[in-house]
Amino acid sequence: MTSAESALSRLLDEASIRDTVARFADAATRGDDDRFRATWAADAEWTIGERVHAVGVDDIVSTFRRLRDEREFFVQFAVQGPIEITGDEATTSIICHEAARGPGETYYRNHCVTADRLRRSENGWVFTSRSFQYLWLDTSPFTGNAVKLPDSF
């Protein structure tokens, strides 16, 4: 493989990894189980802070559903960090901001950083491990109105 072909291959892999991160944030924001499931390997592991730990894609999606259900509003913003690729495996780190309201008068805002491991699959790159570590967490009330996204958006 020439150096130009190698550079192009790396750029394509990086774009695919960025796409996986974007699809995760989009599926989490929309509450879309199928799109969320598609970002994970079957044997993956997901942790959030000290309290959430799920192993295997079915447990991960079930945990996602439990966390996402009853939320009047949820949004995740993800800022891509450096990507390291070794063959069919990669690591990356994302800086995230999340905000949510519900159920009832519960509120949630955070800044966190992820430690991610991914694997190349027939459908692009998927997470094999995703760990969210809080940098800042706020559960105090905030104002504003939640507006439902249209299904076709």
N, C-alpha and C. Protein backbone atom coordinates (compact mmCIF):
# COMPACT_ATOMS: atom_id res chain seq x y z
N MET A 1 0.85 -1.17 0.00
CA MET A 1 0.00 0.00 0.00
C MET A 1 0.91 1.24 0.00
N THR A 2 0.60 2.18 -0.87
CA THR A 2 1.39 3.41 -0.93
C THR A 2 1.05 4.30 0.26
N SER A 3 1.89 5.29 0.50
CA SER A 3 1.62 6.20 1.62
C SER A 3 0.33 6.98 1.40
N ALA A 4 0.01 7.32 0.16
CA ALA A 4 -1.25 8.02 -0.12
C ALA A 4 -2.43 7.11 0.16
N GLU A 5 -2.34 5.84 -0.23
CA GLU A 5 -3.42 4.88 0.05
C GLU A 5 -3.57 4.66 1.54
N SER A 6 -2.45 4.59 2.25
CA SER A 6 -2.49 4.41 3.70
C SER A 6 -3.13 5.62 4.38
N ALA A 7 -2.76 6.82 3.94
CA ALA A 7 -3.34 8.03 4.52
C ALA A 7 -4.84 8.10 4.24
N LEU A 8 -5.25 7.74 3.03
CA LEU A 8 -6.67 7.75 2.68
C LEU A 8 -7.43 6.73 3.52
N SER A 9 -6.86 5.54 3.69
CA SER A 9 -7.50 4.50 4.50
C SER A 9 -7.68 4.99 5.94
N ARG A 10 -6.65 5.63 6.50
CA ARG A 10 -6.75 6.15 7.86
C ARG A 10 -7.83 7.22 7.96
N LEU A 11 -7.89 8.12 6.99
CA LEU A 11 -8.91 9.17 6.99
C LEU A 11 -10.32 8.58 6.91
N LEU A 12 -10.49 7.54 6.11
CA LEU A 12 -11.79 6.89 6.00
C LEU A 12 -12.17 6.21 7.32
N ASP A 13 -11.20 5.57 7.97
CA ASP A 13 -11.47 4.96 9.28
C ASP A 13 -11.84 6.03 10.30
N GLU A 14 -11.10 7.13 10.35
CA GLU A 14 -11.40 8.20 11.29
C GLU A 14 -12.80 8.77 11.04
N ALA A 15 -13.16 8.95 9.77
CA ALA A 15 -14.50 9.45 9.44
C ALA A 15 -15.58 8.48 9.91
N SER A 16 -15.33 7.20 9.75
CA SER A 16 -16.30 6.19 10.19
C SER A 16 -16.43 6.18 11.71
N ILE A 17 -15.33 6.35 12.43
CA ILE A 17 -15.38 6.40 13.89
C ILE A 17 -16.13 7.65 14.34
N ARG A 18 -15.86 8.79 13.71
CA ARG A 18 -16.60 10.02 14.03
C ARG A 18 -18.10 9.83 13.76
N ASP A 19 -18.42 9.11 12.70
CA ASP A 19 -19.82 8.83 12.38
C ASP A 19 -20.46 7.98 13.48
N THR A 20 -19.75 7.00 14.00
CA THR A 20 -20.28 6.16 15.08
C THR A 20 -20.58 7.02 16.31
N VAL A 21 -19.66 7.91 16.66
CA VAL A 21 -19.87 8.81 17.80
C VAL A 21 -21.09 9.70 17.56
N ALA A 22 -21.22 10.25 16.35
CA ALA A 22 -22.36 11.11 16.02
C ALA A 22 -23.67 10.33 16.05
N ARG A 23 -23.66 9.09 15.53
CA ARG A 23 -24.88 8.27 15.54
C ARG A 23 -25.29 7.92 16.97
N PHE A 24 -24.32 7.67 17.85
CA PHE A 24 -24.62 7.41 19.26
C PHE A 24 -25.33 8.61 19.87
N ALA A 25 -24.75 9.81 19.71
CA ALA A 25 -25.34 11.03 20.30
C ALA A 25 -26.73 11.29 19.72
N ASP A 26 -26.90 11.08 18.43
CA ASP A 26 -28.19 11.29 17.78
C ASP A 26 -29.24 10.30 18.30
N ALA A 27 -28.86 9.02 18.38
CA ALA A 27 -29.79 8.00 18.87
C ALA A 27 -30.16 8.25 20.33
N ALA A 28 -29.17 8.66 21.14
CA ALA A 28 -29.45 8.96 22.55
C ALA A 28 -30.40 10.14 22.67
N THR A 29 -30.17 11.17 21.88
CA THR A 29 -31.03 12.36 21.91
C THR A 29 -32.44 12.03 21.47
N ARG A 30 -32.58 11.22 20.44
CA ARG A 30 -33.89 10.86 19.91
C ARG A 30 -34.58 9.73 20.68
N GLY A 31 -33.82 9.00 21.48
CA GLY A 31 -34.38 7.85 22.18
C GLY A 31 -34.65 6.70 21.24
N ASP A 32 -33.82 6.52 20.23
CA ASP A 32 -34.02 5.51 19.19
C ASP A 32 -33.22 4.24 19.52
N ASP A 33 -33.92 3.24 20.04
CA ASP A 33 -33.27 2.00 20.46
C ASP A 33 -32.51 1.31 19.34
N ASP A 34 -33.11 1.19 18.15
CA ASP A 34 -32.48 0.47 17.05
C ASP A 34 -31.19 1.16 16.59
N ARG A 35 -31.24 2.46 16.45
CA ARG A 35 -30.04 3.20 16.04
C ARG A 35 -28.98 3.15 17.13
N PHE A 36 -29.41 3.19 18.39
CA PHE A 36 -28.48 3.08 19.52
C PHE A 36 -27.81 1.71 19.50
N ARG A 37 -28.60 0.65 19.33
CA ARG A 37 -28.08 -0.73 19.30
C ARG A 37 -27.03 -0.89 18.20
N ALA A 38 -27.24 -0.24 17.07
CA ALA A 38 -26.34 -0.39 15.91
C ALA A 38 -24.94 0.17 16.16
N THR A 39 -24.76 0.95 17.21
CA THR A 39 -23.43 1.51 17.50
C THR A 39 -22.58 0.59 18.37
N TRP A 40 -23.14 -0.54 18.80
CA TRP A 40 -22.46 -1.42 19.76
C TRP A 40 -22.11 -2.77 19.17
N ALA A 41 -21.00 -3.35 19.61
CA ALA A 41 -20.67 -4.74 19.35
C ALA A 41 -21.51 -5.62 20.27
N ALA A 42 -21.75 -6.85 19.86
CA ALA A 42 -22.60 -7.75 20.66
C ALA A 42 -22.04 -7.98 22.06
N ASP A 43 -20.73 -7.99 22.20
CA ASP A 43 -20.09 -8.29 23.49
C ASP A 43 -19.58 -7.04 24.21
N ALA A 44 -20.14 -5.90 23.91
CA ALA A 44 -19.65 -4.62 24.43
C ALA A 44 -19.93 -4.44 25.91
N GLU A 45 -19.29 -3.40 26.47
CA GLU A 45 -19.48 -3.04 27.87
C GLU A 45 -19.65 -1.52 27.95
N TRP A 46 -20.60 -1.08 28.83
CA TRP A 46 -20.89 0.36 28.98
C TRP A 46 -20.94 0.71 30.44
N THR A 47 -20.18 1.74 30.84
CA THR A 47 -20.23 2.23 32.21
C THR A 47 -20.45 3.74 32.20
N ILE A 48 -21.19 4.19 33.20
CA ILE A 48 -21.41 5.63 33.40
C ILE A 48 -21.11 5.89 34.87
N GLY A 49 -20.03 6.60 35.13
CA GLY A 49 -19.66 6.90 36.50
C GLY A 49 -19.51 5.63 37.32
N GLU A 50 -19.93 5.71 38.56
CA GLU A 50 -19.82 4.58 39.49
C GLU A 50 -21.10 3.74 39.56
N ARG A 51 -22.18 4.23 38.95
CA ARG A 51 -23.48 3.59 39.21
C ARG A 51 -24.06 2.75 38.09
N VAL A 52 -23.61 2.95 36.86
CA VAL A 52 -24.21 2.24 35.73
C VAL A 52 -23.16 1.36 35.08
N HIS A 53 -23.50 0.08 34.93
CA HIS A 53 -22.62 -0.87 34.27
C HIS A 53 -23.48 -1.89 33.54
N ALA A 54 -23.25 -2.01 32.23
CA ALA A 54 -24.02 -2.97 31.42
C ALA A 54 -23.04 -3.74 30.54
N VAL A 55 -23.31 -5.04 30.37
CA VAL A 55 -22.45 -5.91 29.57
C VAL A 55 -23.31 -6.64 28.55
N GLY A 56 -22.89 -6.59 27.29
CA GLY A 56 -23.64 -7.22 26.20
C GLY A 56 -24.65 -6.24 25.64
N VAL A 57 -24.86 -6.31 24.35
CA VAL A 57 -25.70 -5.31 23.68
C VAL A 57 -27.13 -5.30 24.20
N ASP A 58 -27.70 -6.45 24.54
CA ASP A 58 -29.07 -6.47 25.05
C ASP A 58 -29.17 -5.74 26.39
N ASP A 59 -28.21 -5.99 27.29
CA ASP A 59 -28.18 -5.30 28.58
C ASP A 59 -27.94 -3.81 28.38
N ILE A 60 -27.08 -3.45 27.44
CA ILE A 60 -26.79 -2.05 27.15
C ILE A 60 -28.05 -1.33 26.67
N VAL A 61 -28.77 -1.93 25.73
CA VAL A 61 -29.99 -1.29 25.22
C VAL A 61 -31.06 -1.22 26.30
N SER A 62 -31.17 -2.25 27.12
CA SER A 62 -32.12 -2.24 28.24
C SER A 62 -31.77 -1.13 29.23
N THR A 63 -30.50 -0.97 29.52
CA THR A 63 -30.04 0.09 30.42
C THR A 63 -30.33 1.46 29.81
N PHE A 64 -30.05 1.60 28.52
CA PHE A 64 -30.36 2.85 27.80
C PHE A 64 -31.85 3.17 27.91
N ARG A 65 -32.67 2.18 27.67
CA ARG A 65 -34.12 2.38 27.72
C ARG A 65 -34.54 2.84 29.11
N ARG A 66 -33.99 2.20 30.15
CA ARG A 66 -34.31 2.58 31.53
C ARG A 66 -33.88 4.01 31.82
N LEU A 67 -32.70 4.39 31.36
CA LEU A 67 -32.20 5.75 31.59
C LEU A 67 -32.97 6.79 30.77
N ARG A 68 -33.39 6.41 29.58
CA ARG A 68 -34.00 7.37 28.64
C ARG A 68 -35.51 7.49 28.83
N ASP A 69 -36.17 6.40 29.24
CA ASP A 69 -37.62 6.43 29.44
C ASP A 69 -37.99 7.50 30.47
N GLU A 70 -39.14 8.05 30.28
CA GLU A 70 -39.71 9.05 31.18
C GLU A 70 -39.00 10.39 31.13
N ARG A 71 -37.98 10.52 30.30
CA ARG A 71 -37.33 11.82 30.15
C ARG A 71 -38.18 12.67 29.22
N GLU A 72 -38.57 13.83 29.69
CA GLU A 72 -39.31 14.78 28.87
C GLU A 72 -38.38 15.37 27.81
N PHE A 73 -37.10 15.44 28.18
CA PHE A 73 -36.11 16.08 27.33
C PHE A 73 -34.76 15.45 27.61
N PHE A 74 -34.00 15.18 26.56
CA PHE A 74 -32.61 14.73 26.71
C PHE A 74 -31.85 15.14 25.46
N VAL A 75 -30.63 15.63 25.66
CA VAL A 75 -29.77 15.95 24.53
C VAL A 75 -28.33 15.66 24.92
N GLN A 76 -27.57 15.15 23.97
CA GLN A 76 -26.14 14.93 24.17
C GLN A 76 -25.38 15.62 23.04
N PHE A 77 -24.38 16.41 23.43
CA PHE A 77 -23.45 17.02 22.49
C PHE A 77 -22.12 16.32 22.66
N ALA A 78 -21.49 15.91 21.57
CA ALA A 78 -20.24 15.17 21.63
C ALA A 78 -19.16 15.88 20.81
N VAL A 79 -18.02 16.12 21.43
CA VAL A 79 -16.89 16.74 20.76
C VAL A 79 -15.79 15.69 20.62
N GLN A 80 -15.47 15.37 19.38
CA GLN A 80 -14.50 14.31 19.10
C GLN A 80 -13.11 14.68 19.59
N GLY A 81 -12.47 13.73 20.24
CA GLY A 81 -11.09 13.86 20.66
C GLY A 81 -10.18 13.06 19.73
N PRO A 82 -8.95 12.84 20.16
CA PRO A 82 -8.00 12.11 19.32
C PRO A 82 -8.43 10.67 19.10
N ILE A 83 -8.06 10.14 17.95
CA ILE A 83 -8.38 8.77 17.57
C ILE A 83 -7.07 8.03 17.31
N GLU A 84 -6.93 6.86 17.93
CA GLU A 84 -5.77 6.00 17.69
C GLU A 84 -6.28 4.69 17.08
N ILE A 85 -5.75 4.33 15.92
CA ILE A 85 -6.19 3.13 15.22
C ILE A 85 -5.03 2.15 15.10
N THR A 86 -5.30 0.90 15.50
CA THR A 86 -4.34 -0.18 15.36
C THR A 86 -5.06 -1.34 14.70
N GLY A 87 -4.87 -1.49 13.41
CA GLY A 87 -5.54 -2.56 12.67
C GLY A 87 -7.04 -2.38 12.70
N ASP A 88 -7.74 -3.37 13.25
CA ASP A 88 -9.20 -3.34 13.30
C ASP A 88 -9.74 -2.87 14.65
N GLU A 89 -8.88 -2.27 15.47
CA GLU A 89 -9.31 -1.75 16.75
C GLU A 89 -8.88 -0.29 16.88
N ALA A 90 -9.63 0.46 17.67
CA ALA A 90 -9.34 1.88 17.85
C ALA A 90 -9.72 2.32 19.25
N THR A 91 -9.09 3.40 19.69
CA THR A 91 -9.47 4.05 20.93
C THR A 91 -9.70 5.53 20.62
N THR A 92 -10.57 6.13 21.40
CA THR A 92 -10.81 7.56 21.28
C THR A 92 -11.36 8.07 22.60
N SER A 93 -11.44 9.36 22.70
CA SER A 93 -11.99 10.00 23.88
C SER A 93 -12.87 11.15 23.41
N ILE A 94 -14.04 11.27 24.00
CA ILE A 94 -15.02 12.28 23.61
C ILE A 94 -15.30 13.15 24.83
N ILE A 95 -15.44 14.44 24.61
CA ILE A 95 -15.93 15.33 25.66
C ILE A 95 -17.40 15.56 25.37
N CYS A 96 -18.26 15.30 26.36
CA CYS A 96 -19.71 15.39 26.17
C CYS A 96 -20.33 16.41 27.12
N HIS A 97 -21.43 16.96 26.66
CA HIS A 97 -22.33 17.72 27.52
C HIS A 97 -23.70 17.09 27.34
N GLU A 98 -24.38 16.83 28.43
CA GLU A 98 -25.73 16.28 28.39
C GLU A 98 -26.64 17.12 29.27
N ALA A 99 -27.90 17.18 28.86
CA ALA A 99 -28.93 17.82 29.68
C ALA A 99 -30.20 17.01 29.54
N ALA A 100 -30.94 16.90 30.65
CA ALA A 100 -32.19 16.14 30.64
C ALA A 100 -33.14 16.70 31.69
N ARG A 101 -34.42 16.49 31.42
CA ARG A 101 -35.45 16.81 32.41
C ARG A 101 -36.45 15.67 32.43
N GLY A 102 -36.88 15.33 33.64
CA GLY A 102 -37.85 14.27 33.83
C GLY A 102 -37.15 13.02 34.33
N PRO A 103 -37.92 12.12 34.92
CA PRO A 103 -39.36 12.21 35.14
C PRO A 103 -39.69 13.27 36.21
N GLY A 104 -40.85 13.85 36.03
CA GLY A 104 -41.31 14.87 36.97
C GLY A 104 -40.36 16.04 37.01
N GLU A 105 -40.11 16.50 38.21
CA GLU A 105 -39.25 17.68 38.40
C GLU A 105 -37.81 17.26 38.71
N THR A 106 -37.26 16.33 37.96
CA THR A 106 -35.86 15.96 38.11
C THR A 106 -35.07 16.57 36.95
N TYR A 107 -33.86 16.98 37.24
CA TYR A 107 -33.03 17.68 36.26
C TYR A 107 -31.63 17.07 36.27
N TYR A 108 -30.97 17.20 35.12
CA TYR A 108 -29.66 16.56 34.98
C TYR A 108 -28.88 17.31 33.91
N ARG A 109 -27.73 17.82 34.28
CA ARG A 109 -26.79 18.41 33.33
C ARG A 109 -25.40 17.94 33.73
N ASN A 110 -24.59 17.65 32.74
CA ASN A 110 -23.23 17.23 33.06
C ASN A 110 -22.27 17.57 31.93
N HIS A 111 -21.02 17.57 32.30
CA HIS A 111 -19.91 17.52 31.35
C HIS A 111 -19.17 16.24 31.72
N CYS A 112 -18.81 15.47 30.72
CA CYS A 112 -18.09 14.23 31.00
C CYS A 112 -17.09 13.96 29.88
N VAL A 113 -16.23 13.03 30.14
CA VAL A 113 -15.27 12.58 29.14
C VAL A 113 -15.43 11.07 29.03
N THR A 114 -15.31 10.57 27.80
CA THR A 114 -15.44 9.13 27.59
C THR A 114 -14.08 8.51 27.32
N ALA A 115 -13.97 7.25 27.65
CA ALA A 115 -12.85 6.41 27.24
C ALA A 115 -13.50 5.32 26.39
N ASP A 116 -13.21 5.33 25.10
CA ASP A 116 -13.89 4.44 24.16
C ASP A 116 -12.93 3.50 23.47
N ARG A 117 -13.39 2.26 23.30
CA ARG A 117 -12.71 1.29 22.45
C ARG A 117 -13.71 0.88 21.38
N LEU A 118 -13.22 0.77 20.16
CA LEU A 118 -14.07 0.41 19.03
C LEU A 118 -13.41 -0.71 18.23
N ARG A 119 -14.24 -1.40 17.44
CA ARG A 119 -13.76 -2.48 16.58
C ARG A 119 -14.41 -2.30 15.22
N ARG A 120 -13.63 -2.58 14.19
CA ARG A 120 -14.16 -2.55 12.83
C ARG A 120 -15.13 -3.73 12.66
N SER A 121 -16.29 -3.46 12.08
CA SER A 121 -17.26 -4.52 11.81
C SER A 121 -17.69 -4.42 10.36
N GLU A 122 -18.51 -5.34 9.92
CA GLU A 122 -19.00 -5.29 8.54
C GLU A 122 -19.86 -4.06 8.28
N ASN A 123 -20.36 -3.44 9.35
CA ASN A 123 -21.20 -2.24 9.22
C ASN A 123 -20.48 -0.98 9.68
N GLY A 124 -19.16 -0.97 9.65
CA GLY A 124 -18.41 0.18 10.13
C GLY A 124 -17.86 -0.09 11.51
N TRP A 125 -17.47 0.96 12.21
CA TRP A 125 -16.89 0.83 13.54
C TRP A 125 -17.99 0.82 14.60
N VAL A 126 -17.82 -0.05 15.62
CA VAL A 126 -18.78 -0.16 16.72
C VAL A 126 -18.03 -0.12 18.05
N PHE A 127 -18.72 0.34 19.07
CA PHE A 127 -18.11 0.39 20.40
C PHE A 127 -18.01 -1.01 20.98
N THR A 128 -16.84 -1.32 21.54
CA THR A 128 -16.68 -2.54 22.34
C THR A 128 -16.67 -2.19 23.82
N SER A 129 -16.33 -0.93 24.11
CA SER A 129 -16.34 -0.45 25.49
C SER A 129 -16.52 1.06 25.45
N ARG A 130 -17.38 1.54 26.34
CA ARG A 130 -17.62 2.98 26.45
C ARG A 130 -17.78 3.29 27.93
N SER A 131 -16.94 4.19 28.43
CA SER A 131 -16.98 4.55 29.84
C SER A 131 -17.09 6.07 29.95
N PHE A 132 -18.13 6.54 30.62
CA PHE A 132 -18.36 7.97 30.85
C PHE A 132 -17.89 8.32 32.25
N GLN A 133 -17.01 9.31 32.35
CA GLN A 133 -16.54 9.80 33.64
C GLN A 133 -16.97 11.25 33.79
N TYR A 134 -17.75 11.53 34.83
CA TYR A 134 -18.23 12.89 35.05
C TYR A 134 -17.08 13.84 35.38
N LEU A 135 -17.13 15.03 34.79
CA LEU A 135 -16.25 16.13 35.16
C LEU A 135 -17.03 17.15 35.98
N TRP A 136 -18.33 17.25 35.72
CA TRP A 136 -19.22 18.20 36.39
C TRP A 136 -20.63 17.64 36.30
N LEU A 137 -21.37 17.68 37.40
CA LEU A 137 -22.74 17.18 37.43
C LEU A 137 -23.60 18.16 38.20
N ASP A 138 -24.74 18.52 37.62
CA ASP A 138 -25.66 19.47 38.24
C ASP A 138 -27.07 18.90 38.15
N THR A 139 -27.74 18.78 39.28
CA THR A 139 -29.11 18.27 39.29
C THR A 139 -30.10 19.34 39.76
N SER A 140 -29.67 20.60 39.69
CA SER A 140 -30.58 21.67 40.11
C SER A 140 -31.56 22.01 38.97
N PRO A 141 -32.73 22.54 39.29
CA PRO A 141 -33.73 22.87 38.28
C PRO A 141 -33.22 23.91 37.28
N PHE A 142 -33.69 23.79 36.04
CA PHE A 142 -33.43 24.79 35.03
C PHE A 142 -34.72 25.10 34.30
N THR A 143 -34.76 26.22 33.64
CA THR A 143 -35.98 26.66 32.97
C THR A 143 -35.92 26.31 31.48
N GLY A 144 -37.04 26.49 30.83
CA GLY A 144 -37.14 26.23 29.39
C GLY A 144 -38.25 25.25 29.11
N ASN A 145 -38.60 25.14 27.85
CA ASN A 145 -39.66 24.24 27.42
C ASN A 145 -39.11 23.19 26.48
N ALA A 146 -39.45 21.94 26.71
CA ALA A 146 -39.06 20.85 25.83
C ALA A 146 -39.99 20.84 24.61
N VAL A 147 -39.41 20.70 23.43
CA VAL A 147 -40.16 20.62 22.19
C VAL A 147 -39.81 19.29 21.53
N LYS A 148 -40.81 18.48 21.23
CA LYS A 148 -40.59 17.16 20.65
C LYS A 148 -40.05 17.30 19.23
N LEU A 149 -39.00 16.55 18.91
CA LEU A 149 -38.48 16.53 17.55
C LEU A 149 -39.47 15.83 16.64
N PRO A 150 -39.67 16.33 15.43
CA PRO A 150 -40.54 15.61 14.49
C PRO A 150 -39.85 14.29 14.10
N ASP A 151 -40.64 13.26 13.81
CA ASP A 151 -40.10 11.96 13.45
C ASP A 151 -39.26 12.02 12.19
N SER A 152 -39.58 12.89 11.26
CA SER A 152 -38.87 12.94 9.98
C SER A 152 -37.68 13.86 9.99
N PHE A 153 -37.35 14.45 11.11
CA PHE A 153 -36.24 15.39 11.19
C PHE A 153 -34.92 14.69 11.12
